[in-house]
Amino acid sequence: MKTKIRDFQVKKNIKWHILRLLRLNSRTKQELIDKLSDMYLGYWQVNNELIDSNLNLLTDEDMIHYSNKYEITEKGLDALGKKEREIEQYYAKRVSKEACAKYSLEGNVGLSALESQIN
């Protein structure tokens, strides 16, 4: 049985996926749908309503515009760049060598405390 991804799991990131795809090339709605479907490897059944609402939201926020195809605007590029920097900083804090060493030390201290309680 194939696992399915539900809309609520995609909803928080779909806006950023659309902007990333448009940063590469201008695209029609169908091209966006096809690319998003490919990204999720068939685990998510593309929801046209969700795509439409995000395209409308991005258009209203002036992050994209439509003229035969959807294209990203400067405002969209700036927002995408900011989001990517935030993600990079998030992972740098949690996956850096220093963070891993800290988590390892905390784990060892916790295990030592438990071990001393047992003995």
PDB file of N, CA and C in Angstrom:
ATOM      1  N   MET A   1       0.843  -1.180   0.000  1.00  0.00           N
ATOM      2  CA  MET A   1       0.000   0.000   0.000  1.00  0.00           C
ATOM      3  C   MET A   1       0.893   1.250   0.000  1.00  0.00           C
ATOM      4  N   LYS A   2       0.592   2.169  -0.879  1.00  0.00           N
ATOM      5  CA  LYS A   2       1.385   3.390  -1.030  1.00  0.00           C
ATOM      6  C   LYS A   2       0.916   4.448  -0.038  1.00  0.00           C
ATOM      7  N   THR A   3       1.868   5.034   0.681  1.00  0.00           N
ATOM      8  CA  THR A   3       1.564   6.108   1.615  1.00  0.00           C
ATOM      9  C   THR A   3       1.149   7.344   0.820  1.00  0.00           C
ATOM     10  N   LYS A   4       0.155   8.054   1.327  1.00  0.00           N
ATOM     11  CA  LYS A   4      -0.304   9.282   0.670  1.00  0.00           C
ATOM     12  C   LYS A   4       0.011  10.477   1.554  1.00  0.00           C
ATOM     13  N   ILE A   5       0.372  11.564   0.938  1.00  0.00           N
ATOM     14  CA  ILE A   5       0.584  12.817   1.651  1.00  0.00           C
ATOM     15  C   ILE A   5      -0.703  13.606   1.546  1.00  0.00           C
ATOM     16  N   ARG A   6      -1.145  14.149   2.651  1.00  0.00           N
ATOM     17  CA  ARG A   6      -2.407  14.895   2.676  1.00  0.00           C
ATOM     18  C   ARG A   6      -2.161  16.382   2.435  1.00  0.00           C
ATOM     19  N   ASP A   7      -3.230  17.079   2.033  1.00  0.00           N
ATOM     20  CA  ASP A   7      -3.127  18.509   1.711  1.00  0.00           C
ATOM     21  C   ASP A   7      -2.536  19.336   2.838  1.00  0.00           C
ATOM     22  N   PHE A   8      -2.938  19.059   4.094  1.00  0.00           N
ATOM     23  CA  PHE A   8      -2.446  19.887   5.199  1.00  0.00           C
ATOM     24  C   PHE A   8      -0.941  19.761   5.359  1.00  0.00           C
ATOM     25  N   GLN A   9      -0.366  18.633   4.919  1.00  0.00           N
ATOM     26  CA  GLN A   9       1.077  18.454   5.016  1.00  0.00           C
ATOM     27  C   GLN A   9       1.821  19.258   3.944  1.00  0.00           C
ATOM     28  N   VAL A  10       1.149  19.556   2.856  1.00  0.00           N
ATOM     29  CA  VAL A  10       1.745  20.285   1.737  1.00  0.00           C
ATOM     30  C   VAL A  10       1.466  21.780   1.843  1.00  0.00           C
ATOM     31  N   LYS A  11       0.324  22.109   2.447  1.00  0.00           N
ATOM     32  CA  LYS A  11      -0.196  23.475   2.450  1.00  0.00           C
ATOM     33  C   LYS A  11       0.817  24.519   2.932  1.00  0.00           C
ATOM     34  N   LYS A  12       1.582  24.214   3.970  1.00  0.00           N
ATOM     35  CA  LYS A  12       2.492  25.208   4.539  1.00  0.00           C
ATOM     36  C   LYS A  12       3.689  25.522   3.628  1.00  0.00           C
ATOM     37  N   ASN A  13       3.986  24.625   2.680  1.00  0.00           N
ATOM     38  CA  ASN A  13       5.163  24.833   1.833  1.00  0.00           C
ATOM     39  C   ASN A  13       4.853  25.095   0.365  1.00  0.00           C
ATOM     40  N   ILE A  14       3.622  24.935  -0.042  1.00  0.00           N
ATOM     41  CA  ILE A  14       3.289  25.014  -1.465  1.00  0.00           C
ATOM     42  C   ILE A  14       3.637  26.378  -2.069  1.00  0.00           C
ATOM     43  N   LYS A  15       3.417  27.424  -1.306  1.00  0.00           N
ATOM     44  CA  LYS A  15       3.738  28.777  -1.771  1.00  0.00           C
ATOM     45  C   LYS A  15       5.220  28.877  -2.142  1.00  0.00           C
ATOM     46  N   TRP A  16       6.072  28.305  -1.296  1.00  0.00           N
ATOM     47  CA  TRP A  16       7.517  28.389  -1.533  1.00  0.00           C
ATOM     48  C   TRP A  16       7.933  27.487  -2.685  1.00  0.00           C
ATOM     49  N   HIS A  17       7.274  26.335  -2.832  1.00  0.00           N
ATOM     50  CA  HIS A  17       7.567  25.464  -3.971  1.00  0.00           C
ATOM     51  C   HIS A  17       7.215  26.165  -5.279  1.00  0.00           C
ATOM     52  N   ILE A  18       6.067  26.835  -5.304  1.00  0.00           N
ATOM     53  CA  ILE A  18       5.654  27.560  -6.513  1.00  0.00           C
ATOM     54  C   ILE A  18       6.678  28.654  -6.843  1.00  0.00           C
ATOM     55  N   LEU A  19       7.093  29.416  -5.852  1.00  0.00           N
ATOM     56  CA  LEU A  19       8.075  30.481  -6.100  1.00  0.00           C
ATOM     57  C   LEU A  19       9.402  29.905  -6.594  1.00  0.00           C
ATOM     58  N   ARG A  20       9.837  28.778  -6.020  1.00  0.00           N
ATOM     59  CA  ARG A  20      11.098  28.162  -6.481  1.00  0.00           C
ATOM     60  C   ARG A  20      10.991  27.720  -7.940  1.00  0.00           C
ATOM     61  N   LEU A  21       9.851  27.121  -8.282  1.00  0.00           N
ATOM     62  CA  LEU A  21       9.664  26.681  -9.668  1.00  0.00           C
ATOM     63  C   LEU A  21       9.644  27.871 -10.627  1.00  0.00           C
ATOM     64  N   LEU A  22       9.008  28.956 -10.216  1.00  0.00           N
ATOM     65  CA  LEU A  22       8.938  30.135 -11.081  1.00  0.00           C
ATOM     66  C   LEU A  22      10.262  30.888 -11.151  1.00  0.00           C
ATOM     67  N   ARG A  23      11.101  30.717 -10.145  1.00  0.00           N
ATOM     68  CA  ARG A  23      12.423  31.344 -10.203  1.00  0.00           C
ATOM     69  C   ARG A  23      13.236  30.725 -11.355  1.00  0.00           C
ATOM     70  N   LEU A  24      13.004  29.452 -11.614  1.00  0.00           N
ATOM     71  CA  LEU A  24      13.730  28.774 -12.690  1.00  0.00           C
ATOM     72  C   LEU A  24      13.202  29.144 -14.074  1.00  0.00           C
ATOM     73  N   ASN A  25      11.874  29.179 -14.218  1.00  0.00           N
ATOM     74  CA  ASN A  25      11.230  29.474 -15.509  1.00  0.00           C
ATOM     75  C   ASN A  25       9.821  29.977 -15.278  1.00  0.00           C
ATOM     76  N   SER A  26       9.328  30.796 -16.206  1.00  0.00           N
ATOM     77  CA  SER A  26       7.904  31.121 -16.162  1.00  0.00           C
ATOM     78  C   SER A  26       7.155  29.859 -16.598  1.00  0.00           C
ATOM     79  N   ARG A  27       5.950  29.661 -16.024  1.00  0.00           N
ATOM     80  CA  ARG A  27       5.224  28.417 -16.283  1.00  0.00           C
ATOM     81  C   ARG A  27       3.720  28.663 -16.330  1.00  0.00           C
ATOM     82  N   THR A  28       3.036  27.774 -17.039  1.00  0.00           N
ATOM     83  CA  THR A  28       1.573  27.784 -17.011  1.00  0.00           C
ATOM     84  C   THR A  28       1.120  27.078 -15.734  1.00  0.00           C
ATOM     85  N   LYS A  29      -0.157  27.213 -15.436  1.00  0.00           N
ATOM     86  CA  LYS A  29      -0.705  26.525 -14.262  1.00  0.00           C
ATOM     87  C   LYS A  29      -0.502  25.015 -14.408  1.00  0.00           C
ATOM     88  N   GLN A  30      -0.751  24.484 -15.594  1.00  0.00           N
ATOM     89  CA  GLN A  30      -0.605  23.037 -15.789  1.00  0.00           C
ATOM     90  C   GLN A  30       0.848  22.597 -15.623  1.00  0.00           C
ATOM     91  N   GLU A  31       1.783  23.402 -16.084  1.00  0.00           N
ATOM     92  CA  GLU A  31       3.204  23.079 -15.899  1.00  0.00           C
ATOM     93  C   GLU A  31       3.558  23.070 -14.415  1.00  0.00           C
ATOM     94  N   LEU A  32       3.016  24.013 -13.662  1.00  0.00           N
ATOM     95  CA  LEU A  32       3.246  24.030 -12.208  1.00  0.00           C
ATOM     96  C   LEU A  32       2.672  22.774 -11.561  1.00  0.00           C
ATOM     97  N   ILE A  33       1.461  22.426 -11.941  1.00  0.00           N
ATOM     98  CA  ILE A  33       0.818  21.225 -11.386  1.00  0.00           C
ATOM     99  C   ILE A  33       1.654  19.985 -11.693  1.00  0.00           C
ATOM    100  N   ASP A  34       2.115  19.864 -12.935  1.00  0.00           N
ATOM    101  CA  ASP A  34       2.935  18.704 -13.328  1.00  0.00           C
ATOM    102  C   ASP A  34       4.229  18.646 -12.527  1.00  0.00           C
ATOM    103  N   LYS A  35       4.893  19.797 -12.381  1.00  0.00           N
ATOM    104  CA  LYS A  35       6.154  19.831 -11.627  1.00  0.00           C
ATOM    105  C   LYS A  35       5.928  19.498 -10.148  1.00  0.00           C
ATOM    106  N   LEU A  36       4.857  20.059  -9.554  1.00  0.00           N
ATOM    107  CA  LEU A  36       4.559  19.767  -8.147  1.00  0.00           C
ATOM    108  C   LEU A  36       4.246  18.293  -7.955  1.00  0.00           C
ATOM    109  N   SER A  37       3.517  17.722  -8.894  1.00  0.00           N
ATOM    110  CA  SER A  37       3.201  16.299  -8.836  1.00  0.00           C
ATOM    111  C   SER A  37       4.486  15.471  -8.893  1.00  0.00           C
ATOM    112  N   ASP A  38       5.397  15.863  -9.775  1.00  0.00           N
ATOM    113  CA  ASP A  38       6.697  15.176  -9.878  1.00  0.00           C
ATOM    114  C   ASP A  38       7.494  15.299  -8.582  1.00  0.00           C
ATOM    115  N   MET A  39       7.454  16.501  -7.970  1.00  0.00           N
ATOM    116  CA  MET A  39       8.210  16.728  -6.732  1.00  0.00           C
ATOM    117  C   MET A  39       7.780  15.772  -5.625  1.00  0.00           C
ATOM    118  N   TYR A  40       6.491  15.492  -5.565  1.00  0.00           N
ATOM    119  CA  TYR A  40       5.963  14.629  -4.510  1.00  0.00           C
ATOM    120  C   TYR A  40       5.887  13.163  -4.929  1.00  0.00           C
ATOM    121  N   LEU A  41       6.468  12.843  -6.087  1.00  0.00           N
ATOM    122  CA  LEU A  41       6.610  11.465  -6.562  1.00  0.00           C
ATOM    123  C   LEU A  41       5.312  10.663  -6.532  1.00  0.00           C
ATOM    124  N   GLY A  42       4.201  11.347  -6.747  1.00  0.00           N
ATOM    125  CA  GLY A  42       2.921  10.654  -6.756  1.00  0.00           C
ATOM    126  C   GLY A  42       2.333  10.383  -5.385  1.00  0.00           C
ATOM    127  N   TYR A  43       3.026  10.793  -4.327  1.00  0.00           N
ATOM    128  CA  TYR A  43       2.519  10.573  -2.965  1.00  0.00           C
ATOM    129  C   TYR A  43       1.454  11.605  -2.585  1.00  0.00           C
ATOM    130  N   TRP A  44       1.382  12.701  -3.363  1.00  0.00           N
ATOM    131  CA  TRP A  44       0.369  13.715  -3.101  1.00  0.00           C
ATOM    132  C   TRP A  44      -0.446  13.919  -4.358  1.00  0.00           C
ATOM    133  N   GLN A  45      -1.748  13.767  -4.233  1.00  0.00           N
ATOM    134  CA  GLN A  45      -2.661  14.042  -5.343  1.00  0.00           C
ATOM    135  C   GLN A  45      -2.871  15.550  -5.399  1.00  0.00           C
ATOM    136  N   VAL A  46      -2.396  16.184  -6.455  1.00  0.00           N
ATOM    137  CA  VAL A  46      -2.453  17.638  -6.566  1.00  0.00           C
ATOM    138  C   VAL A  46      -3.899  18.118  -6.423  1.00  0.00           C
ATOM    139  N   ASN A  47      -4.085  19.090  -5.552  1.00  0.00           N
ATOM    140  CA  ASN A  47      -5.389  19.677  -5.274  1.00  0.00           C
ATOM    141  C   ASN A  47      -5.474  21.013  -6.013  1.00  0.00           C
ATOM    142  N   ASN A  48      -6.291  21.059  -7.061  1.00  0.00           N
ATOM    143  CA  ASN A  48      -6.395  22.274  -7.880  1.00  0.00           C
ATOM    144  C   ASN A  48      -6.844  23.483  -7.070  1.00  0.00           C
ATOM    145  N   GLU A  49      -7.725  23.259  -6.103  1.00  0.00           N
ATOM    146  CA  GLU A  49      -8.187  24.371  -5.258  1.00  0.00           C
ATOM    147  C   GLU A  49      -7.028  24.974  -4.468  1.00  0.00           C
ATOM    148  N   LEU A  50      -6.187  24.120  -3.920  1.00  0.00           N
ATOM    149  CA  LEU A  50      -5.032  24.574  -3.149  1.00  0.00           C
ATOM    150  C   LEU A  50      -4.055  25.337  -4.051  1.00  0.00           C
ATOM    151  N   ILE A  51      -3.839  24.836  -5.251  1.00  0.00           N
ATOM    152  CA  ILE A  51      -2.952  25.515  -6.205  1.00  0.00           C
ATOM    153  C   ILE A  51      -3.541  26.878  -6.574  1.00  0.00           C
ATOM    154  N   ASP A  52      -4.844  26.896  -6.922  1.00  0.00           N
ATOM    155  CA  ASP A  52      -5.492  28.158  -7.299  1.00  0.00           C
ATOM    156  C   ASP A  52      -5.434  29.190  -6.179  1.00  0.00           C
ATOM    157  N   SER A  53      -5.718  28.751  -4.958  1.00  0.00           N
ATOM    158  CA  SER A  53      -5.718  29.716  -3.845  1.00  0.00           C
ATOM    159  C   SER A  53      -4.322  30.277  -3.612  1.00  0.00           C
ATOM    160  N   ASN A  54      -3.296  29.451  -3.763  1.00  0.00           N
ATOM    161  CA  ASN A  54      -1.926  29.939  -3.577  1.00  0.00           C
ATOM    162  C   ASN A  54      -1.481  30.833  -4.728  1.00  0.00           C
ATOM    163  N   LEU A  55      -1.876  30.502  -5.946  1.00  0.00           N
ATOM    164  CA  LEU A  55      -1.552  31.376  -7.078  1.00  0.00           C
ATOM    165  C   LEU A  55      -2.236  32.731  -6.919  1.00  0.00           C
ATOM    166  N   ASN A  56      -3.492  32.710  -6.477  1.00  0.00           N
ATOM    167  CA  ASN A  56      -4.210  33.972  -6.239  1.00  0.00           C
ATOM    168  C   ASN A  56      -3.565  34.775  -5.116  1.00  0.00           C
ATOM    169  N   LEU A  57      -3.188  34.096  -4.030  1.00  0.00           N
ATOM    170  CA  LEU A  57      -2.538  34.765  -2.905  1.00  0.00           C
ATOM    171  C   LEU A  57      -1.211  35.395  -3.343  1.00  0.00           C
ATOM    172  N   LEU A  58      -0.406  34.633  -4.071  1.00  0.00           N
ATOM    173  CA  LEU A  58       0.884  35.148  -4.534  1.00  0.00           C
ATOM    174  C   LEU A  58       0.709  36.322  -5.499  1.00  0.00           C
ATOM    175  N   THR A  59      -0.327  36.259  -6.320  1.00  0.00           N
ATOM    176  CA  THR A  59      -0.619  37.365  -7.233  1.00  0.00           C
ATOM    177  C   THR A  59      -1.062  38.595  -6.451  1.00  0.00           C
ATOM    178  N   ASP A  60      -1.952  38.385  -5.478  1.00  0.00           N
ATOM    179  CA  ASP A  60      -2.427  39.507  -4.649  1.00  0.00           C
ATOM    180  C   ASP A  60      -1.292  40.149  -3.863  1.00  0.00           C
ATOM    181  N   GLU A  61      -0.325  39.343  -3.438  1.00  0.00           N
ATOM    182  CA  GLU A  61       0.817  39.852  -2.678  1.00  0.00           C
ATOM    183  C   GLU A  61       1.909  40.402  -3.600  1.00  0.00           C
ATOM    184  N   ASP A  62       1.661  40.409  -4.915  1.00  0.00           N
ATOM    185  CA  ASP A  62       2.593  40.916  -5.918  1.00  0.00           C
ATOM    186  C   ASP A  62       3.911  40.138  -5.936  1.00  0.00           C
ATOM    187  N   MET A  63       3.846  38.856  -5.587  1.00  0.00           N
ATOM    188  CA  MET A  63       5.047  38.029  -5.648  1.00  0.00           C
ATOM    189  C   MET A  63       5.173  37.334  -7.005  1.00  0.00           C
ATOM    190  N   ILE A  64       4.037  37.210  -7.698  1.00  0.00           N
ATOM    191  CA  ILE A  64       4.032  36.678  -9.059  1.00  0.00           C
ATOM    192  C   ILE A  64       3.059  37.509  -9.884  1.00  0.00           C
ATOM    193  N   HIS A  65       3.195  37.418 -11.198  1.00  0.00           N
ATOM    194  CA  HIS A  65       2.184  38.012 -12.069  1.00  0.00           C
ATOM    195  C   HIS A  65       1.922  37.055 -13.223  1.00  0.00           C
ATOM    196  N   TYR A  66       0.769  37.227 -13.835  1.00  0.00           N
ATOM    197  CA  TYR A  66       0.346  36.328 -14.904  1.00  0.00           C
ATOM    198  C   TYR A  66       0.171  37.089 -16.204  1.00  0.00           C
ATOM    199  N   SER A  67       0.809  36.580 -17.241  1.00  0.00           N
ATOM    200  CA  SER A  67       0.653  37.095 -18.599  1.00  0.00           C
ATOM    201  C   SER A  67       0.957  35.917 -19.517  1.00  0.00           C
ATOM    202  N   ASN A  68      -0.043  35.121 -19.817  1.00  0.00           N
ATOM    203  CA  ASN A  68       0.084  33.854 -20.546  1.00  0.00           C
ATOM    204  C   ASN A  68       0.741  32.760 -19.695  1.00  0.00           C
ATOM    205  N   LYS A  69       1.684  33.143 -18.870  1.00  0.00           N
ATOM    206  CA  LYS A  69       2.349  32.231 -17.932  1.00  0.00           C
ATOM    207  C   LYS A  69       2.575  32.981 -16.631  1.00  0.00           C
ATOM    208  N   TYR A  70       2.756  32.235 -15.558  1.00  0.00           N
ATOM    209  CA  TYR A  70       3.083  32.848 -14.270  1.00  0.00           C
ATOM    210  C   TYR A  70       4.575  33.129 -14.231  1.00  0.00           C
ATOM    211  N   GLU A  71       4.914  34.299 -13.702  1.00  0.00           N
ATOM    212  CA  GLU A  71       6.315  34.705 -13.556  1.00  0.00           C
ATOM    213  C   GLU A  71       6.518  35.274 -12.168  1.00  0.00           C
ATOM    214  N   ILE A  72       7.701  35.057 -11.625  1.00  0.00           N
ATOM    215  CA  ILE A  72       8.021  35.589 -10.300  1.00  0.00           C
ATOM    216  C   ILE A  72       8.432  37.057 -10.441  1.00  0.00           C
ATOM    217  N   THR A  73       8.069  37.859  -9.466  1.00  0.00           N
ATOM    218  CA  THR A  73       8.434  39.281  -9.463  1.00  0.00           C
ATOM    219  C   THR A  73       9.653  39.489  -8.572  1.00  0.00           C
ATOM    220  N   GLU A  74      10.178  40.697  -8.575  1.00  0.00           N
ATOM    221  CA  GLU A  74      11.301  41.028  -7.673  1.00  0.00           C
ATOM    222  C   GLU A  74      10.896  40.808  -6.216  1.00  0.00           C
ATOM    223  N   LYS A  75       9.680  41.206  -5.877  1.00  0.00           N
ATOM    224  CA  LYS A  75       9.187  41.017  -4.517  1.00  0.00           C
ATOM    225  C   LYS A  75       9.156  39.529  -4.165  1.00  0.00           C
ATOM    226  N   GLY A  76       8.749  38.698  -5.113  1.00  0.00           N
ATOM    227  CA  GLY A  76       8.735  37.248  -4.899  1.00  0.00           C
ATOM    228  C   GLY A  76      10.141  36.697  -4.723  1.00  0.00           C
ATOM    229  N   LEU A  77      11.067  37.180  -5.543  1.00  0.00           N
ATOM    230  CA  LEU A  77      12.471  36.743  -5.414  1.00  0.00           C
ATOM    231  C   LEU A  77      13.046  37.134  -4.057  1.00  0.00           C
ATOM    232  N   ASP A  78      12.737  38.353  -3.616  1.00  0.00           N
ATOM    233  CA  ASP A  78      13.223  38.812  -2.312  1.00  0.00           C
ATOM    234  C   ASP A  78      12.649  37.959  -1.183  1.00  0.00           C
ATOM    235  N   ALA A  79      11.349  37.680  -1.242  1.00  0.00           N
ATOM    236  CA  ALA A  79      10.697  36.875  -0.199  1.00  0.00           C
ATOM    237  C   ALA A  79      11.261  35.462  -0.185  1.00  0.00           C
ATOM    238  N   LEU A  80      11.487  34.893  -1.364  1.00  0.00           N
ATOM    239  CA  LEU A  80      12.045  33.548  -1.458  1.00  0.00           C
ATOM    240  C   LEU A  80      13.471  33.517  -0.913  1.00  0.00           C
ATOM    241  N   GLY A  81      14.256  34.514  -1.251  1.00  0.00           N
ATOM    242  CA  GLY A  81      15.624  34.587  -0.735  1.00  0.00           C
ATOM    243  C   GLY A  81      15.644  34.678   0.779  1.00  0.00           C
ATOM    244  N   LYS A  82      14.747  35.492   1.338  1.00  0.00           N
ATOM    245  CA  LYS A  82      14.661  35.630   2.797  1.00  0.00           C
ATOM    246  C   LYS A  82      14.276  34.301   3.441  1.00  0.00           C
ATOM    247  N   LYS A  83      13.298  33.613   2.865  1.00  0.00           N
ATOM    248  CA  LYS A  83      12.851  32.328   3.403  1.00  0.00           C
ATOM    249  C   LYS A  83      13.977  31.300   3.355  1.00  0.00           C
ATOM    250  N   GLU A  84      14.712  31.269   2.261  1.00  0.00           N
ATOM    251  CA  GLU A  84      15.819  30.318   2.139  1.00  0.00           C
ATOM    252  C   GLU A  84      16.926  30.608   3.145  1.00  0.00           C
ATOM    253  N   ARG A  85      17.178  31.891   3.417  1.00  0.00           N
ATOM    254  CA  ARG A  85      18.181  32.242   4.441  1.00  0.00           C
ATOM    255  C   ARG A  85      17.709  31.802   5.824  1.00  0.00           C
ATOM    256  N   GLU A  86      16.411  31.979   6.114  1.00  0.00           N
ATOM    257  CA  GLU A  86      15.853  31.540   7.396  1.00  0.00           C
ATOM    258  C   GLU A  86      15.990  30.031   7.565  1.00  0.00           C
ATOM    259  N   ILE A  87      15.713  29.290   6.512  1.00  0.00           N
ATOM    260  CA  ILE A  87      15.837  27.828   6.567  1.00  0.00           C
ATOM    261  C   ILE A  87      17.290  27.428   6.781  1.00  0.00           C
ATOM    262  N   GLU A  88      18.180  28.102   6.070  1.00  0.00           N
ATOM    263  CA  GLU A  88      19.614  27.821   6.209  1.00  0.00           C
ATOM    264  C   GLU A  88      20.079  28.082   7.641  1.00  0.00           C
ATOM    265  N   GLN A  89      19.653  29.192   8.221  1.00  0.00           N
ATOM    266  CA  GLN A  89      20.027  29.514   9.601  1.00  0.00           C
ATOM    267  C   GLN A  89      19.435  28.509  10.582  1.00  0.00           C
ATOM    268  N   TYR A  90      18.191  28.101  10.346  1.00  0.00           N
ATOM    269  CA  TYR A  90      17.528  27.112  11.204  1.00  0.00           C
ATOM    270  C   TYR A  90      18.342  25.821  11.254  1.00  0.00           C
ATOM    271  N   TYR A  91      18.718  25.319  10.078  1.00  0.00           N
ATOM    272  CA  TYR A  91      19.478  24.069  10.043  1.00  0.00           C
ATOM    273  C   TYR A  91      20.910  24.253  10.518  1.00  0.00           C
ATOM    274  N   ALA A  92      21.486  25.411  10.288  1.00  0.00           N
ATOM    275  CA  ALA A  92      22.848  25.660  10.768  1.00  0.00           C
ATOM    276  C   ALA A  92      22.893  25.585  12.288  1.00  0.00           C
ATOM    277  N   LYS A  93      21.843  26.083  12.939  1.00  0.00           N
ATOM    278  CA  LYS A  93      21.789  26.048  14.404  1.00  0.00           C
ATOM    279  C   LYS A  93      21.603  24.628  14.927  1.00  0.00           C
ATOM    280  N   ARG A  94      20.836  23.834  14.222  1.00  0.00           N
ATOM    281  CA  ARG A  94      20.449  22.520  14.735  1.00  0.00           C
ATOM    282  C   ARG A  94      21.277  21.364  14.208  1.00  0.00           C
ATOM    283  N   VAL A  95      22.017  21.568  13.139  1.00  0.00           N
ATOM    284  CA  VAL A  95      22.761  20.474  12.543  1.00  0.00           C
ATOM    285  C   VAL A  95      24.262  20.769  12.473  1.00  0.00           C
ATOM    286  N   SER A  96      24.680  21.905  12.975  1.00  0.00           N
ATOM    287  CA  SER A  96      26.102  22.237  12.941  1.00  0.00           C
ATOM    288  C   SER A  96      26.884  21.283  13.839  1.00  0.00           C
ATOM    289  N   LYS A  97      28.185  21.245  13.667  1.00  0.00           N
ATOM    290  CA  LYS A  97      29.038  20.396  14.509  1.00  0.00           C
ATOM    291  C   LYS A  97      28.886  20.776  15.973  1.00  0.00           C
ATOM    292  N   GLU A  98      28.809  22.083  16.225  1.00  0.00           N
ATOM    293  CA  GLU A  98      28.670  22.552  17.601  1.00  0.00           C
ATOM    294  C   GLU A  98      27.342  22.090  18.208  1.00  0.00           C
ATOM    295  N   ALA A  99      26.266  22.184  17.420  1.00  0.00           N
ATOM    296  CA  ALA A  99      24.955  21.757  17.916  1.00  0.00           C
ATOM    297  C   ALA A  99      24.948  20.254  18.179  1.00  0.00           C
ATOM    298  N   CYS A 100      25.546  19.482  17.288  1.00  0.00           N
ATOM    299  CA  CYS A 100      25.606  18.029  17.479  1.00  0.00           C
ATOM    300  C   CYS A 100      26.432  17.681  18.722  1.00  0.00           C
ATOM    301  N   ALA A 101      27.525  18.389  18.913  1.00  0.00           N
ATOM    302  CA  ALA A 101      28.348  18.148  20.100  1.00  0.00           C
ATOM    303  C   ALA A 101      27.568  18.487  21.367  1.00  0.00           C
ATOM    304  N   LYS A 102      26.815  19.578  21.334  1.00  0.00           N
ATOM    305  CA  LYS A 102      26.006  19.990  22.479  1.00  0.00           C
ATOM    306  C   LYS A 102      24.948  18.934  22.791  1.00  0.00           C
ATOM    307  N   TYR A 103      24.229  18.464  21.744  1.00  0.00           N
ATOM    308  CA  TYR A 103      23.195  17.451  21.964  1.00  0.00           C
ATOM    309  C   TYR A 103      23.807  16.154  22.489  1.00  0.00           C
ATOM    310  N   SER A 104      24.979  15.803  21.983  1.00  0.00           N
ATOM    311  CA  SER A 104      25.657  14.594  22.430  1.00  0.00           C
ATOM    312  C   SER A 104      26.054  14.712  23.904  1.00  0.00           C
ATOM    313  N   LEU A 105      26.595  15.868  24.273  1.00  0.00           N
ATOM    314  CA  LEU A 105      26.990  16.109  25.656  1.00  0.00           C
ATOM    315  C   LEU A 105      25.779  16.050  26.576  1.00  0.00           C
ATOM    316  N   GLU A 106      24.691  16.710  26.176  1.00  0.00           N
ATOM    317  CA  GLU A 106      23.474  16.691  26.992  1.00  0.00           C
ATOM    318  C   GLU A 106      22.933  15.265  27.139  1.00  0.00           C
ATOM    319  N   GLY A 107      22.979  14.505  26.056  1.00  0.00           N
ATOM    320  CA  GLY A 107      22.529  13.106  26.111  1.00  0.00           C
ATOM    321  C   GLY A 107      23.376  12.281  27.053  1.00  0.00           C
ATOM    322  N   ASN A 108      24.697  12.473  26.987  1.00  0.00           N
ATOM    323  CA  ASN A 108      25.598  11.720  27.863  1.00  0.00           C
ATOM    324  C   ASN A 108      25.404  12.091  29.327  1.00  0.00           C
ATOM    325  N   VAL A 109      25.195  13.378  29.596  1.00  0.00           N
ATOM    326  CA  VAL A 109      24.944  13.817  30.968  1.00  0.00           C
ATOM    327  C   VAL A 109      23.643  13.191  31.472  1.00  0.00           C
ATOM    328  N   GLY A 110      22.616  13.215  30.628  1.00  0.00           N
ATOM    329  CA  GLY A 110      21.334  12.620  31.005  1.00  0.00           C
ATOM    330  C   GLY A 110      21.445  11.133  31.265  1.00  0.00           C
ATOM    331  N   LEU A 111      22.168  10.424  30.406  1.00  0.00           N
ATOM    332  CA  LEU A 111      22.349   8.980  30.598  1.00  0.00           C
ATOM    333  C   LEU A 111      23.167   8.686  31.853  1.00  0.00           C
ATOM    334  N   SER A 112      24.175   9.504  32.106  1.00  0.00           N
ATOM    335  CA  SER A 112      24.986   9.323  33.317  1.00  0.00           C
ATOM    336  C   SER A 112      24.132   9.549  34.569  1.00  0.00           C
ATOM    337  N   ALA A 113      23.269  10.553  34.532  1.00  0.00           N
ATOM    338  CA  ALA A 113      22.390  10.806  35.666  1.00  0.00           C
ATOM    339  C   ALA A 113      21.442   9.644  35.899  1.00  0.00           C
ATOM    340  N   LEU A 114      20.903   9.094  34.826  1.00  0.00           N
ATOM    341  CA  LEU A 114      20.007   7.939  34.956  1.00  0.00           C
ATOM    342  C   LEU A 114      20.765   6.726  35.491  1.00  0.00           C
ATOM    343  N   GLU A 115      21.978   6.534  34.988  1.00  0.00           N
ATOM    344  CA  GLU A 115      22.793   5.397  35.405  1.00  0.00           C
ATOM    345  C   GLU A 115      23.122   5.492  36.889  1.00  0.00           C
ATOM    346  N   SER A 116      23.419   6.709  37.366  1.00  0.00           N
ATOM    347  CA  SER A 116      23.743   6.870  38.787  1.00  0.00           C
ATOM    348  C   SER A 116      22.508   6.640  39.664  1.00  0.00           C
ATOM    349  N   GLN A 117      21.330   6.924  39.140  1.00  0.00           N
ATOM    350  CA  GLN A 117      20.095   6.683  39.869  1.00  0.00           C
ATOM    351  C   GLN A 117      19.810   5.178  40.001  1.00  0.00           C
ATOM    352  N   ILE A 118      20.159   4.432  38.950  1.00  0.00           N
ATOM    353  CA  ILE A 118      19.903   2.986  38.951  1.00  0.00           C
ATOM    354  C   ILE A 118      20.880   2.263  39.877  1.00  0.00           C
ATOM    355  N   ASN A 119      22.123   2.678  39.901  1.00  0.00           N
ATOM    356  CA  ASN A 119      23.148   2.010  40.706  1.00  0.00           C
ATOM    357  C   ASN A 119      23.098   2.572  42.092  1.00  0.00           C
TER     358      ASN A 119
END
